[in-house]
N, C-alpha and C. Protein backbone atom coordinates (compact mmCIF):
# COMPACT_ATOMS: atom_id res chain seq x y z
N MET A 1 6.87 5.88 -12.93
CA MET A 1 7.39 6.72 -11.86
C MET A 1 8.68 6.11 -11.33
N THR A 2 9.69 6.94 -11.17
CA THR A 2 11.00 6.48 -10.73
C THR A 2 10.97 6.16 -9.24
N THR A 3 11.50 5.01 -8.87
CA THR A 3 11.58 4.65 -7.47
C THR A 3 12.81 5.27 -6.83
N VAL A 4 12.83 5.29 -5.52
CA VAL A 4 13.91 5.93 -4.77
C VAL A 4 14.87 4.87 -4.26
N ASP A 5 16.15 5.04 -4.56
CA ASP A 5 17.16 4.11 -4.09
C ASP A 5 17.51 4.43 -2.64
N ASP A 6 18.21 3.50 -2.00
CA ASP A 6 18.68 3.74 -0.65
C ASP A 6 19.64 4.93 -0.65
N PRO A 7 19.57 5.76 0.40
CA PRO A 7 20.50 6.90 0.46
C PRO A 7 21.93 6.45 0.60
N ASN A 8 22.83 7.19 -0.02
CA ASN A 8 24.25 6.92 0.07
C ASN A 8 24.79 7.60 1.32
N GLU A 9 25.36 6.82 2.24
CA GLU A 9 25.84 7.39 3.50
C GLU A 9 26.92 8.44 3.27
N GLU A 10 27.62 8.35 2.17
CA GLU A 10 28.66 9.34 1.89
C GLU A 10 28.07 10.72 1.58
N ASP A 11 26.78 10.73 1.19
CA ASP A 11 26.13 12.00 0.86
C ASP A 11 25.42 12.63 2.06
N LEU A 12 25.39 11.93 3.21
CA LEU A 12 24.71 12.46 4.38
C LEU A 12 25.47 13.65 4.96
N LYS A 13 24.73 14.65 5.38
CA LYS A 13 25.32 15.84 5.97
C LYS A 13 24.64 16.15 7.29
N ILE A 14 25.43 16.58 8.26
CA ILE A 14 24.90 16.99 9.56
C ILE A 14 24.82 18.50 9.59
N THR A 15 23.62 19.02 9.82
CA THR A 15 23.42 20.46 9.86
C THR A 15 22.91 20.86 11.25
N PRO A 16 23.01 22.12 11.60
CA PRO A 16 22.48 22.58 12.90
C PRO A 16 20.99 22.29 12.99
N PRO A 17 20.48 22.05 14.20
CA PRO A 17 19.06 21.77 14.36
C PRO A 17 18.20 22.95 13.89
N LYS A 18 17.04 22.61 13.32
CA LYS A 18 16.12 23.65 12.90
C LYS A 18 15.44 24.26 14.14
N GLN A 19 14.98 25.50 14.00
CA GLN A 19 14.33 26.16 15.12
C GLN A 19 12.85 25.80 15.20
N TRP A 20 12.30 25.28 14.12
CA TRP A 20 10.91 24.85 14.15
C TRP A 20 10.71 23.76 13.11
N ALA A 21 9.65 22.99 13.29
CA ALA A 21 9.34 21.91 12.35
C ALA A 21 7.88 22.00 11.91
N THR A 22 7.37 23.23 11.89
CA THR A 22 5.98 23.44 11.50
C THR A 22 5.92 24.56 10.48
N GLY A 23 4.71 25.01 10.19
CA GLY A 23 4.54 26.14 9.30
C GLY A 23 4.85 25.83 7.85
N VAL A 24 5.33 26.83 7.14
CA VAL A 24 5.57 26.71 5.70
C VAL A 24 6.55 25.58 5.36
N PRO A 25 7.68 25.41 6.09
CA PRO A 25 8.58 24.30 5.74
C PRO A 25 7.91 22.93 5.84
N ALA A 26 7.08 22.73 6.86
CA ALA A 26 6.40 21.45 7.01
C ALA A 26 5.40 21.23 5.88
N VAL A 27 4.64 22.27 5.51
CA VAL A 27 3.68 22.16 4.41
C VAL A 27 4.39 21.86 3.10
N THR A 28 5.49 22.58 2.85
CA THR A 28 6.25 22.38 1.61
C THR A 28 6.80 20.96 1.52
N HIS A 29 7.36 20.47 2.63
CA HIS A 29 7.94 19.13 2.63
C HIS A 29 6.86 18.08 2.42
N ALA A 30 5.71 18.24 3.08
CA ALA A 30 4.63 17.27 2.95
C ALA A 30 4.10 17.21 1.51
N ILE A 31 3.92 18.37 0.89
CA ILE A 31 3.41 18.40 -0.48
C ILE A 31 4.45 17.84 -1.44
N GLN A 32 5.72 18.19 -1.25
CA GLN A 32 6.78 17.66 -2.11
C GLN A 32 6.82 16.14 -2.05
N TYR A 33 6.76 15.59 -0.83
CA TYR A 33 6.77 14.13 -0.68
C TYR A 33 5.54 13.52 -1.35
N SER A 34 4.37 14.14 -1.15
CA SER A 34 3.13 13.60 -1.70
C SER A 34 3.16 13.56 -3.22
N LEU A 35 3.68 14.63 -3.83
CA LEU A 35 3.73 14.68 -5.29
C LEU A 35 4.73 13.70 -5.87
N GLU A 36 5.72 13.28 -5.08
CA GLU A 36 6.63 12.23 -5.53
C GLU A 36 5.94 10.87 -5.53
N GLU A 37 4.90 10.73 -4.72
CA GLU A 37 4.20 9.45 -4.60
C GLU A 37 3.03 9.33 -5.56
N THR A 38 2.34 10.41 -5.83
CA THR A 38 1.12 10.32 -6.61
C THR A 38 0.87 11.63 -7.36
N SER A 39 -0.30 11.75 -7.97
CA SER A 39 -0.59 12.89 -8.83
C SER A 39 -1.06 14.10 -8.02
N ILE A 40 -1.10 15.25 -8.69
CA ILE A 40 -1.59 16.47 -8.03
C ILE A 40 -3.04 16.28 -7.60
N ARG A 41 -3.87 15.70 -8.47
CA ARG A 41 -5.29 15.53 -8.16
C ARG A 41 -5.48 14.60 -6.98
N ARG A 42 -4.78 13.48 -6.97
CA ARG A 42 -4.96 12.53 -5.87
C ARG A 42 -4.42 13.11 -4.56
N THR A 43 -3.30 13.84 -4.64
CA THR A 43 -2.76 14.48 -3.45
C THR A 43 -3.79 15.43 -2.84
N ALA A 44 -4.39 16.28 -3.68
CA ALA A 44 -5.38 17.23 -3.18
C ALA A 44 -6.59 16.52 -2.60
N THR A 45 -7.08 15.49 -3.28
CA THR A 45 -8.24 14.75 -2.79
C THR A 45 -7.97 14.15 -1.42
N ASN A 46 -6.80 13.57 -1.26
CA ASN A 46 -6.45 12.95 0.02
C ASN A 46 -6.33 13.97 1.13
N LEU A 47 -5.65 15.08 0.86
CA LEU A 47 -5.39 16.06 1.91
C LEU A 47 -6.65 16.80 2.35
N PHE A 48 -7.63 16.88 1.47
CA PHE A 48 -8.87 17.54 1.85
C PHE A 48 -9.89 16.57 2.46
N SER A 49 -9.52 15.28 2.56
CA SER A 49 -10.46 14.30 3.11
C SER A 49 -10.04 13.77 4.48
N ILE A 50 -8.77 14.03 4.89
CA ILE A 50 -8.29 13.48 6.16
C ILE A 50 -9.05 14.09 7.33
N ASN A 51 -9.53 13.22 8.21
CA ASN A 51 -10.21 13.61 9.45
C ASN A 51 -11.43 14.48 9.21
N GLN A 52 -12.07 14.30 8.05
CA GLN A 52 -13.32 14.97 7.78
C GLN A 52 -14.48 14.00 7.99
N VAL A 53 -15.66 14.55 8.26
CA VAL A 53 -16.82 13.70 8.56
C VAL A 53 -17.11 12.74 7.41
N ASP A 54 -17.00 13.22 6.18
CA ASP A 54 -17.27 12.37 5.02
C ASP A 54 -15.97 11.88 4.37
N GLY A 55 -14.86 11.95 5.13
CA GLY A 55 -13.58 11.51 4.59
C GLY A 55 -13.07 10.26 5.27
N VAL A 56 -11.77 10.23 5.55
CA VAL A 56 -11.15 9.07 6.20
C VAL A 56 -10.33 9.54 7.39
N ASP A 57 -10.17 8.65 8.37
CA ASP A 57 -9.32 8.96 9.51
C ASP A 57 -7.85 8.95 9.08
N CYS A 58 -7.09 9.82 9.67
CA CYS A 58 -5.66 9.84 9.40
C CYS A 58 -5.05 8.51 9.82
N PRO A 59 -4.30 7.85 8.96
CA PRO A 59 -3.70 6.56 9.31
C PRO A 59 -2.47 6.70 10.20
N GLY A 60 -2.06 7.93 10.50
CA GLY A 60 -0.83 8.12 11.25
C GLY A 60 -0.98 8.06 12.76
N CYS A 61 -2.10 8.55 13.29
CA CYS A 61 -2.28 8.57 14.74
C CYS A 61 -3.74 8.78 15.07
N ALA A 62 -4.04 8.83 16.36
CA ALA A 62 -5.41 9.06 16.82
C ALA A 62 -5.62 10.56 17.03
N TRP A 63 -5.74 11.30 15.97
CA TRP A 63 -5.94 12.74 16.06
C TRP A 63 -7.27 13.02 16.76
N PRO A 64 -7.31 13.95 17.72
CA PRO A 64 -8.58 14.26 18.42
C PRO A 64 -9.64 14.72 17.43
N GLU A 65 -10.83 14.23 17.61
CA GLU A 65 -11.91 14.56 16.68
C GLU A 65 -13.03 15.30 17.42
N PRO A 66 -13.21 16.58 17.14
CA PRO A 66 -14.32 17.31 17.74
C PRO A 66 -15.64 16.90 17.09
N GLY A 67 -16.71 17.54 17.49
CA GLY A 67 -18.02 17.21 16.93
C GLY A 67 -18.10 17.51 15.44
N PRO A 68 -19.11 16.95 14.75
CA PRO A 68 -19.23 17.12 13.30
C PRO A 68 -19.26 18.58 12.86
N GLY A 69 -19.82 19.46 13.68
CA GLY A 69 -19.91 20.85 13.28
C GLY A 69 -18.69 21.67 13.61
N LYS A 70 -17.67 21.04 14.17
CA LYS A 70 -16.48 21.77 14.62
C LYS A 70 -15.22 21.38 13.85
N ARG A 71 -15.37 20.62 12.78
CA ARG A 71 -14.19 20.21 12.01
C ARG A 71 -13.63 21.38 11.21
N HIS A 72 -12.33 21.38 11.06
CA HIS A 72 -11.65 22.36 10.23
C HIS A 72 -10.86 21.62 9.16
N MET A 73 -10.61 22.28 8.05
CA MET A 73 -9.82 21.67 7.00
C MET A 73 -8.38 21.50 7.46
N GLN A 74 -7.72 20.48 6.94
CA GLN A 74 -6.33 20.20 7.26
C GLN A 74 -6.09 19.99 8.76
N GLU A 75 -6.91 19.16 9.36
CA GLU A 75 -6.72 18.78 10.77
C GLU A 75 -5.79 17.57 10.83
N TYR A 76 -4.52 17.79 10.53
CA TYR A 76 -3.53 16.72 10.55
C TYR A 76 -2.16 17.35 10.55
N CYS A 77 -1.15 16.54 10.82
CA CYS A 77 0.22 17.05 10.86
C CYS A 77 0.95 16.68 9.56
N GLU A 78 2.22 17.08 9.49
CA GLU A 78 3.03 16.79 8.30
C GLU A 78 3.14 15.29 8.05
N ASN A 79 3.36 14.51 9.12
CA ASN A 79 3.48 13.07 8.95
C ASN A 79 2.19 12.44 8.46
N GLY A 80 1.05 12.97 8.92
CA GLY A 80 -0.23 12.46 8.44
C GLY A 80 -0.41 12.68 6.96
N ALA A 81 0.00 13.86 6.49
CA ALA A 81 -0.11 14.17 5.06
C ALA A 81 0.76 13.23 4.24
N LYS A 82 1.99 12.99 4.72
CA LYS A 82 2.89 12.09 4.00
C LYS A 82 2.41 10.65 4.08
N HIS A 83 1.85 10.27 5.23
CA HIS A 83 1.40 8.90 5.42
C HIS A 83 0.28 8.54 4.45
N ILE A 84 -0.73 9.39 4.35
CA ILE A 84 -1.88 9.04 3.52
C ILE A 84 -1.52 9.02 2.05
N ASN A 85 -0.61 9.89 1.62
CA ASN A 85 -0.21 9.86 0.21
C ASN A 85 0.82 8.78 -0.07
N ASP A 86 1.51 8.31 0.97
CA ASP A 86 2.34 7.13 0.81
C ASP A 86 1.45 5.92 0.55
N GLU A 87 0.30 5.87 1.23
CA GLU A 87 -0.67 4.79 0.99
C GLU A 87 -1.26 4.89 -0.41
N ALA A 88 -1.43 6.10 -0.90
CA ALA A 88 -2.08 6.32 -2.20
C ALA A 88 -1.10 6.36 -3.36
N THR A 89 0.13 5.90 -3.14
CA THR A 89 1.14 5.96 -4.19
C THR A 89 0.66 5.29 -5.48
N THR A 90 1.10 5.84 -6.58
CA THR A 90 0.76 5.24 -7.88
C THR A 90 1.85 4.28 -8.36
N ARG A 91 2.89 4.08 -7.54
CA ARG A 91 3.89 3.07 -7.89
C ARG A 91 3.27 1.68 -7.71
N ARG A 92 3.61 0.76 -8.59
CA ARG A 92 3.02 -0.57 -8.57
C ARG A 92 4.09 -1.66 -8.66
N VAL A 93 3.90 -2.71 -7.85
CA VAL A 93 4.79 -3.87 -7.88
C VAL A 93 4.03 -5.00 -8.58
N THR A 94 4.45 -5.33 -9.78
CA THR A 94 3.77 -6.34 -10.58
C THR A 94 4.51 -7.68 -10.50
N ARG A 95 3.95 -8.68 -11.14
CA ARG A 95 4.60 -10.00 -11.14
C ARG A 95 5.96 -9.97 -11.82
N GLU A 96 6.15 -9.03 -12.76
CA GLU A 96 7.46 -8.90 -13.40
C GLU A 96 8.54 -8.48 -12.40
N PHE A 97 8.15 -7.68 -11.41
CA PHE A 97 9.10 -7.28 -10.38
C PHE A 97 9.61 -8.50 -9.63
N PHE A 98 8.73 -9.42 -9.28
CA PHE A 98 9.14 -10.60 -8.52
C PHE A 98 9.86 -11.63 -9.38
N GLN A 99 9.71 -11.54 -10.69
CA GLN A 99 10.53 -12.37 -11.57
C GLN A 99 11.97 -11.86 -11.60
N GLN A 100 12.13 -10.56 -11.37
CA GLN A 100 13.46 -9.94 -11.40
C GLN A 100 14.19 -10.08 -10.07
N PHE A 101 13.44 -10.05 -8.97
CA PHE A 101 14.05 -10.03 -7.64
C PHE A 101 13.67 -11.28 -6.85
N PRO A 102 14.60 -12.22 -6.64
CA PRO A 102 14.33 -13.35 -5.76
C PRO A 102 14.31 -12.89 -4.31
N LEU A 103 13.76 -13.72 -3.43
CA LEU A 103 13.68 -13.37 -2.02
C LEU A 103 15.06 -13.16 -1.40
N SER A 104 16.02 -13.94 -1.82
CA SER A 104 17.37 -13.81 -1.28
C SER A 104 17.95 -12.43 -1.59
N LYS A 105 17.55 -11.82 -2.69
CA LYS A 105 18.01 -10.47 -3.04
C LYS A 105 17.19 -9.41 -2.32
N LEU A 106 15.87 -9.63 -2.23
CA LEU A 106 15.01 -8.66 -1.53
C LEU A 106 15.36 -8.57 -0.05
N ALA A 107 15.80 -9.67 0.53
CA ALA A 107 16.14 -9.69 1.96
C ALA A 107 17.31 -8.76 2.27
N ARG A 108 18.10 -8.43 1.26
CA ARG A 108 19.25 -7.55 1.48
C ARG A 108 18.91 -6.08 1.26
N LYS A 109 17.68 -5.82 0.84
CA LYS A 109 17.24 -4.44 0.62
C LYS A 109 16.71 -3.84 1.91
N SER A 110 16.77 -2.51 2.01
CA SER A 110 16.28 -1.84 3.20
C SER A 110 14.77 -1.69 3.15
N ASP A 111 14.16 -1.39 4.31
CA ASP A 111 12.72 -1.13 4.35
C ASP A 111 12.35 0.05 3.49
N LEU A 112 13.21 1.08 3.46
CA LEU A 112 12.94 2.25 2.62
C LEU A 112 12.84 1.85 1.16
N TRP A 113 13.80 1.08 0.69
CA TRP A 113 13.79 0.67 -0.72
C TRP A 113 12.57 -0.17 -1.04
N LEU A 114 12.25 -1.12 -0.16
CA LEU A 114 11.10 -1.99 -0.40
C LEU A 114 9.81 -1.19 -0.47
N ASN A 115 9.66 -0.23 0.44
CA ASN A 115 8.44 0.59 0.46
C ASN A 115 8.33 1.44 -0.80
N GLN A 116 9.46 1.93 -1.30
CA GLN A 116 9.43 2.83 -2.45
C GLN A 116 9.11 2.12 -3.76
N GLN A 117 9.10 0.81 -3.77
CA GLN A 117 8.78 0.10 -5.01
C GLN A 117 7.30 0.20 -5.36
N GLY A 118 6.44 0.35 -4.36
CA GLY A 118 5.02 0.53 -4.66
C GLY A 118 4.12 -0.51 -4.03
N ARG A 119 2.88 -0.55 -4.50
CA ARG A 119 1.84 -1.42 -3.96
C ARG A 119 1.69 -2.67 -4.81
N LEU A 120 1.34 -3.78 -4.15
CA LEU A 120 1.09 -5.03 -4.88
C LEU A 120 -0.14 -4.89 -5.77
N THR A 121 -0.13 -5.57 -6.88
CA THR A 121 -1.26 -5.52 -7.81
C THR A 121 -2.09 -6.81 -7.79
N GLU A 122 -1.58 -7.85 -7.14
CA GLU A 122 -2.30 -9.12 -7.06
C GLU A 122 -1.69 -9.96 -5.95
N PRO A 123 -2.40 -10.99 -5.46
CA PRO A 123 -1.83 -11.85 -4.40
C PRO A 123 -0.60 -12.58 -4.92
N MET A 124 0.36 -12.77 -4.02
CA MET A 124 1.58 -13.49 -4.34
C MET A 124 1.80 -14.56 -3.29
N VAL A 125 2.47 -15.65 -3.67
CA VAL A 125 2.73 -16.74 -2.75
C VAL A 125 4.15 -17.28 -2.97
N LYS A 126 4.78 -17.71 -1.90
CA LYS A 126 6.07 -18.38 -2.00
C LYS A 126 5.84 -19.87 -1.80
N TRP A 127 6.03 -20.64 -2.84
CA TRP A 127 5.85 -22.09 -2.73
C TRP A 127 7.08 -22.71 -2.07
N PRO A 128 6.92 -23.82 -1.38
CA PRO A 128 8.06 -24.49 -0.73
C PRO A 128 9.19 -24.77 -1.73
N GLY A 129 10.40 -24.44 -1.32
CA GLY A 129 11.56 -24.70 -2.16
C GLY A 129 11.86 -23.62 -3.18
N SER A 130 10.99 -22.62 -3.30
CA SER A 130 11.21 -21.57 -4.30
C SER A 130 11.84 -20.34 -3.64
N ASP A 131 12.62 -19.61 -4.40
CA ASP A 131 13.23 -18.37 -3.91
C ASP A 131 12.51 -17.16 -4.51
N TYR A 132 11.33 -17.39 -5.07
CA TYR A 132 10.58 -16.31 -5.70
C TYR A 132 9.14 -16.31 -5.19
N TYR A 133 8.53 -15.12 -5.23
CA TYR A 133 7.08 -15.02 -5.07
C TYR A 133 6.43 -15.26 -6.42
N HIS A 134 5.29 -15.94 -6.40
CA HIS A 134 4.57 -16.25 -7.64
C HIS A 134 3.14 -15.73 -7.54
N PRO A 135 2.58 -15.24 -8.65
CA PRO A 135 1.20 -14.74 -8.62
C PRO A 135 0.22 -15.88 -8.36
N ILE A 136 -0.85 -15.55 -7.67
CA ILE A 136 -1.87 -16.53 -7.33
C ILE A 136 -3.22 -15.83 -7.38
N GLY A 137 -4.26 -16.52 -7.82
CA GLY A 137 -5.60 -15.92 -7.89
C GLY A 137 -6.17 -15.67 -6.50
N TRP A 138 -7.11 -14.76 -6.43
CA TRP A 138 -7.72 -14.42 -5.13
C TRP A 138 -8.39 -15.63 -4.49
N GLU A 139 -9.15 -16.38 -5.28
CA GLU A 139 -9.85 -17.54 -4.72
C GLU A 139 -8.87 -18.57 -4.17
N HIS A 140 -7.79 -18.80 -4.89
CA HIS A 140 -6.78 -19.74 -4.44
C HIS A 140 -6.11 -19.24 -3.17
N ALA A 141 -5.84 -17.93 -3.10
CA ALA A 141 -5.23 -17.35 -1.90
C ALA A 141 -6.14 -17.51 -0.69
N PHE A 142 -7.42 -17.23 -0.88
CA PHE A 142 -8.38 -17.38 0.23
C PHE A 142 -8.48 -18.85 0.65
N ASP A 143 -8.42 -19.76 -0.31
CA ASP A 143 -8.48 -21.18 0.02
C ASP A 143 -7.28 -21.61 0.86
N LEU A 144 -6.09 -21.11 0.52
CA LEU A 144 -4.89 -21.45 1.30
C LEU A 144 -5.01 -20.95 2.74
N ILE A 145 -5.48 -19.71 2.89
CA ILE A 145 -5.64 -19.16 4.24
C ILE A 145 -6.68 -19.93 5.02
N ALA A 146 -7.81 -20.23 4.37
CA ALA A 146 -8.89 -20.96 5.04
C ALA A 146 -8.43 -22.34 5.48
N ALA A 147 -7.65 -23.00 4.63
CA ALA A 147 -7.18 -24.35 4.97
C ALA A 147 -6.27 -24.30 6.20
N GLU A 148 -5.42 -23.28 6.29
CA GLU A 148 -4.55 -23.14 7.46
C GLU A 148 -5.37 -22.89 8.72
N LEU A 149 -6.35 -22.01 8.64
CA LEU A 149 -7.16 -21.68 9.82
C LEU A 149 -8.01 -22.87 10.26
N ARG A 150 -8.56 -23.59 9.30
CA ARG A 150 -9.38 -24.76 9.66
C ARG A 150 -8.55 -25.90 10.21
N GLY A 151 -7.25 -25.90 9.89
CA GLY A 151 -6.39 -26.98 10.36
C GLY A 151 -5.90 -26.81 11.78
N LEU A 152 -6.17 -25.67 12.41
CA LEU A 152 -5.73 -25.43 13.78
C LEU A 152 -6.65 -26.14 14.77
N ASP A 153 -6.09 -26.58 15.88
CA ASP A 153 -6.89 -27.24 16.91
C ASP A 153 -7.77 -26.25 17.65
N SER A 154 -7.35 -24.99 17.71
CA SER A 154 -8.11 -23.95 18.41
C SER A 154 -7.89 -22.63 17.69
N PRO A 155 -8.92 -21.76 17.63
CA PRO A 155 -8.72 -20.44 17.03
C PRO A 155 -7.62 -19.64 17.72
N ASP A 156 -7.39 -19.91 19.02
CA ASP A 156 -6.37 -19.16 19.74
C ASP A 156 -4.95 -19.54 19.33
N GLU A 157 -4.79 -20.56 18.48
CA GLU A 157 -3.48 -20.87 17.94
C GLU A 157 -3.11 -19.91 16.80
N ALA A 158 -4.08 -19.14 16.34
CA ALA A 158 -3.83 -18.19 15.26
C ALA A 158 -3.48 -16.82 15.84
N LEU A 159 -2.65 -16.10 15.14
CA LEU A 159 -2.31 -14.73 15.51
C LEU A 159 -2.30 -13.90 14.23
N VAL A 160 -3.09 -12.86 14.21
CA VAL A 160 -3.19 -11.99 13.04
C VAL A 160 -2.57 -10.64 13.38
N TYR A 161 -1.49 -10.30 12.72
CA TYR A 161 -0.75 -9.07 13.04
C TYR A 161 -1.07 -7.98 12.02
N THR A 162 -1.27 -6.78 12.51
CA THR A 162 -1.44 -5.63 11.62
C THR A 162 -0.43 -4.57 12.01
N SER A 163 0.01 -3.81 11.05
CA SER A 163 0.98 -2.74 11.32
C SER A 163 0.29 -1.39 11.20
N GLY A 164 1.06 -0.35 11.50
CA GLY A 164 0.53 1.00 11.38
C GLY A 164 0.25 1.40 9.95
N ARG A 165 0.69 0.63 8.98
CA ARG A 165 0.43 0.95 7.58
C ARG A 165 -0.98 0.61 7.15
N LEU A 166 -1.68 -0.20 7.97
CA LEU A 166 -3.05 -0.57 7.61
C LEU A 166 -3.98 0.57 8.00
N ASN A 167 -4.87 0.98 7.08
CA ASN A 167 -5.76 2.09 7.42
C ASN A 167 -6.84 1.62 8.40
N ASN A 168 -7.50 2.58 9.03
CA ASN A 168 -8.45 2.27 10.10
C ASN A 168 -9.62 1.44 9.62
N GLU A 169 -10.10 1.74 8.40
CA GLU A 169 -11.26 1.01 7.90
C GLU A 169 -10.94 -0.46 7.68
N ALA A 170 -9.78 -0.73 7.09
CA ALA A 170 -9.36 -2.11 6.86
C ALA A 170 -9.10 -2.83 8.18
N ALA A 171 -8.50 -2.12 9.15
CA ALA A 171 -8.24 -2.72 10.46
C ALA A 171 -9.54 -3.08 11.16
N PHE A 172 -10.56 -2.25 11.00
CA PHE A 172 -11.86 -2.53 11.62
C PHE A 172 -12.47 -3.81 11.04
N LEU A 173 -12.41 -3.95 9.72
CA LEU A 173 -12.95 -5.15 9.09
C LEU A 173 -12.15 -6.39 9.49
N LEU A 174 -10.84 -6.24 9.60
CA LEU A 174 -10.01 -7.39 9.95
C LEU A 174 -10.31 -7.86 11.37
N GLN A 175 -10.48 -6.93 12.32
CA GLN A 175 -10.77 -7.35 13.68
C GLN A 175 -12.14 -8.00 13.78
N LEU A 176 -13.10 -7.58 12.96
CA LEU A 176 -14.40 -8.25 12.95
C LEU A 176 -14.25 -9.71 12.50
N PHE A 177 -13.45 -9.91 11.45
CA PHE A 177 -13.23 -11.26 10.95
C PHE A 177 -12.55 -12.13 12.00
N VAL A 178 -11.48 -11.60 12.63
CA VAL A 178 -10.72 -12.38 13.60
C VAL A 178 -11.58 -12.76 14.80
N ARG A 179 -12.39 -11.84 15.27
CA ARG A 179 -13.25 -12.14 16.42
C ARG A 179 -14.36 -13.11 16.03
N ALA A 180 -14.88 -12.98 14.81
CA ALA A 180 -15.87 -13.95 14.34
C ALA A 180 -15.26 -15.34 14.21
N TYR A 181 -13.97 -15.38 13.87
CA TYR A 181 -13.27 -16.67 13.78
C TYR A 181 -13.14 -17.30 15.16
N GLY A 182 -13.05 -16.46 16.21
CA GLY A 182 -13.08 -17.02 17.56
C GLY A 182 -11.88 -16.71 18.44
N THR A 183 -11.11 -15.66 18.10
CA THR A 183 -9.95 -15.34 18.93
C THR A 183 -9.78 -13.83 19.01
N ASN A 184 -9.09 -13.41 20.06
CA ASN A 184 -8.73 -11.99 20.19
C ASN A 184 -7.24 -11.78 19.96
N ASN A 185 -6.56 -12.76 19.36
CA ASN A 185 -5.13 -12.64 19.09
C ASN A 185 -4.92 -11.72 17.88
N LEU A 186 -5.05 -10.43 18.14
CA LEU A 186 -4.98 -9.44 17.07
C LEU A 186 -4.05 -8.29 17.47
N PRO A 187 -2.78 -8.55 17.66
CA PRO A 187 -1.87 -7.47 18.05
C PRO A 187 -1.66 -6.52 16.88
N ASP A 188 -1.37 -5.27 17.23
CA ASP A 188 -1.02 -4.30 16.20
C ASP A 188 0.36 -3.74 16.50
N CYS A 189 0.75 -2.70 15.79
CA CYS A 189 2.10 -2.18 15.97
C CYS A 189 2.29 -1.63 17.38
N SER A 190 1.20 -1.13 18.01
CA SER A 190 1.34 -0.61 19.37
C SER A 190 1.67 -1.74 20.34
N ASN A 191 1.01 -2.89 20.18
CA ASN A 191 1.29 -4.03 21.06
C ASN A 191 2.72 -4.53 20.86
N MET A 192 3.09 -4.73 19.62
CA MET A 192 4.35 -5.39 19.32
C MET A 192 5.54 -4.43 19.43
N CYS A 193 5.45 -3.30 18.75
CA CYS A 193 6.60 -2.39 18.68
C CYS A 193 6.83 -1.64 19.98
N HIS A 194 5.75 -1.36 20.70
CA HIS A 194 5.89 -0.55 21.92
C HIS A 194 5.85 -1.38 23.19
N GLU A 195 5.88 -2.70 23.05
CA GLU A 195 5.92 -3.54 24.24
C GLU A 195 7.19 -3.28 25.04
N SER A 196 8.31 -3.16 24.36
CA SER A 196 9.57 -2.92 25.05
C SER A 196 9.62 -1.53 25.68
N SER A 197 9.12 -0.51 24.95
CA SER A 197 9.13 0.84 25.52
C SER A 197 8.19 0.93 26.70
N GLY A 198 7.03 0.27 26.62
CA GLY A 198 6.10 0.27 27.74
C GLY A 198 6.70 -0.41 28.96
N TRP A 199 7.37 -1.52 28.73
CA TRP A 199 8.01 -2.23 29.84
C TRP A 199 9.11 -1.37 30.46
N GLY A 200 9.87 -0.70 29.60
CA GLY A 200 10.95 0.14 30.09
C GLY A 200 10.43 1.32 30.91
N TRP A 201 9.36 1.96 30.42
CA TRP A 201 8.80 3.08 31.17
C TRP A 201 8.24 2.61 32.51
N GLY A 202 7.65 1.41 32.52
CA GLY A 202 7.13 0.88 33.78
C GLY A 202 8.24 0.71 34.81
N ARG A 203 9.38 0.18 34.36
CA ARG A 203 10.53 0.03 35.26
C ARG A 203 11.05 1.39 35.73
N HIS A 204 11.05 2.34 34.79
CA HIS A 204 11.56 3.68 35.13
C HIS A 204 10.70 4.32 36.22
N TRP A 205 9.38 4.29 36.04
CA TRP A 205 8.51 4.93 37.04
C TRP A 205 8.50 4.17 38.35
N ALA A 206 8.65 2.85 38.29
CA ALA A 206 8.73 2.08 39.54
C ALA A 206 9.98 2.48 40.31
N SER A 207 11.10 2.67 39.61
CA SER A 207 12.34 3.09 40.27
C SER A 207 12.23 4.50 40.82
N ALA A 208 11.53 5.37 40.05
CA ALA A 208 11.38 6.76 40.50
C ALA A 208 10.54 6.84 41.77
N ARG A 209 9.48 6.04 41.82
CA ARG A 209 8.63 6.04 43.01
C ARG A 209 9.37 5.48 44.22
N ALA A 210 10.17 4.46 43.97
CA ALA A 210 10.93 3.85 45.08
C ALA A 210 11.96 4.81 45.63
N ALA A 211 12.51 5.67 44.76
CA ALA A 211 13.51 6.64 45.21
C ALA A 211 12.86 7.78 45.99
């Protein structure tokens, strides 16, 4: 599957604002994006399972969930459809990719380009002094992580960060592990990315009340 390069700024065009961002255009765009990421069968399976009782929660947001007998098909937005099929992409980043791209070169790539390369196929590690990621076995990877955690004077010296790209099921398991380890230092994208916006809104409303 062909990966997507960074957009060329010379090709960008400014058009009048659309009158709506829902309906047929939203459905068409979501399906087009999904089919660029994965197969027709996987796209359909994913879209019919989002926010269903026997499916998976949408990884995009906290969509309201009615009772089990009140669910409807396609209870998600355009971004949710694109998000779940972005997670299910069939693009793969193998060890050959990291032999081709040193870290110094990857650091100059955009987030869009990096995301479009695909999903990792095995654990990778950067050894001291190396400019490349190298493949490592699962047991060895777990041993490295365990050694770091055991070497801390207190569990609260550890911080485990998760982003919005992590699905709800994996996030649930991760928080169980972190709390069993002995700390609540488990920020997510809401804590980290929206800390500044939350602080700003707090100042805004404080000023509004004072006025």
